Amino acid sequence: MIARRCALACVLVIGFSLSGLVLGGLAMAQPSYPERLIKIIVPFSPGGPVDVMARLITPQLSAILGQTIIIENRAGAGSGIGAKAAANAEPDGYTLMLGNITPLVVLPIVTNNRDYDPAKMFVPVAQISQNYEALIVHPSFAARSVPELVAYAKANPGKLNFGSAGPGNTTHLAAELFRLRTGIDIVHVPYKGAAEAAMGVVAEQVQMFFGDVGGVMPLIRQGRVRAIGISSEARIPELPDVPTMIESGVPDYMVMTYSGVVAPAATPPAIIAKLNAAINASLRTPEVTAAMAKIGAHMRPSSPQEFGAFLAREREKWGEVVRLSGVKID
């Protein structure tokens, strides 16, 4: 009996040893990542805020990883075309997407598109940046503050227009949240993009616009528009004299604009970890730090888990806003 047990134990030990050798050999045989060109899909046209962010980090990220990185702009369908292309790519770390709140959070919420779910189709890699929306008006507009604007809107229901970068866009939802929190009646005027909407304020076609701080800052500095509120929790260094929306009496009002990198679902955790470390390292380089400061963007190095938890909170928040506001696009 003892001899039989000893024989069985020997067989098990030899089996485990052989398994370990085979697995170890396979691990050693796997190529080290990255061994070839990496593609980052930007689901927007060249020159926009997300594209600018991608081109800011790519040179340093390429140097850190030791491989060429190219940016592929695939705009269309409100970022849906590029997002789906990235999600359906091989989960090998060689195709990534750099997106913002639209493809990462709100696109499936504001559309009836059932075949796109970023929570299931992507795995978070790293957050890149975070910024806020500035509520801008024309310098000649009667309201000099958010409380005055709210009072004016309540006295003139349906007579104030707000511009947006398009239906269901962050700039649209920011205004819808403002409307929900204040109970005012304002009319949506969609434009083809954020730049056009901001110029709509300059031309007095619309009375207000919630624009990304980095995007509208040049107009503010030139005196062509006036910022009367910021969607942040606390005042920001770029506009220290502009109160937050919360300070201005709009309860529980915070809107963040952000960008981040995701990979197709099932991308190996080791590749995600390596990409995360490289992206965070690129954000800390003097070149990227200076470039971010120049456009008024705030760096947000994070772990994949932190970025994923942040996106989950954003989906819950904006899902409720869309439900209450009734915003839907085809």
Foldseek 3Di string as FASTA:
>chain_A
DVVVVVVVVVVVVVVVVVVVVVVVVVVVVDDDPPPAEAEEEEQADPPDPQNVLCVQLQVQLCVLRVYHYYYDYRYDPQSVVRLVVQLPDPLALRYKYKYKCCLLAFVVLFEVDPVRDNLQSWFFQWWWWKFWWFKKFFPPDPDPAPVSVLVVQQVPAAPAEAEDCAFRDLFVLLVLLQCVQRVGHYHYDYDVGDVVRLVCRLVVVGGITTHTCLVCVVCCVVNSIPTHEIQDPAADPSCNPHYHVVVRPRPPGHDMMTIGMIGTPPNDPVSSQVSLVSSLVSCPDPSSVVVCVVSVIGTDRDGSVVVSVVSVVSNVVSSVSCVVSVGHDD
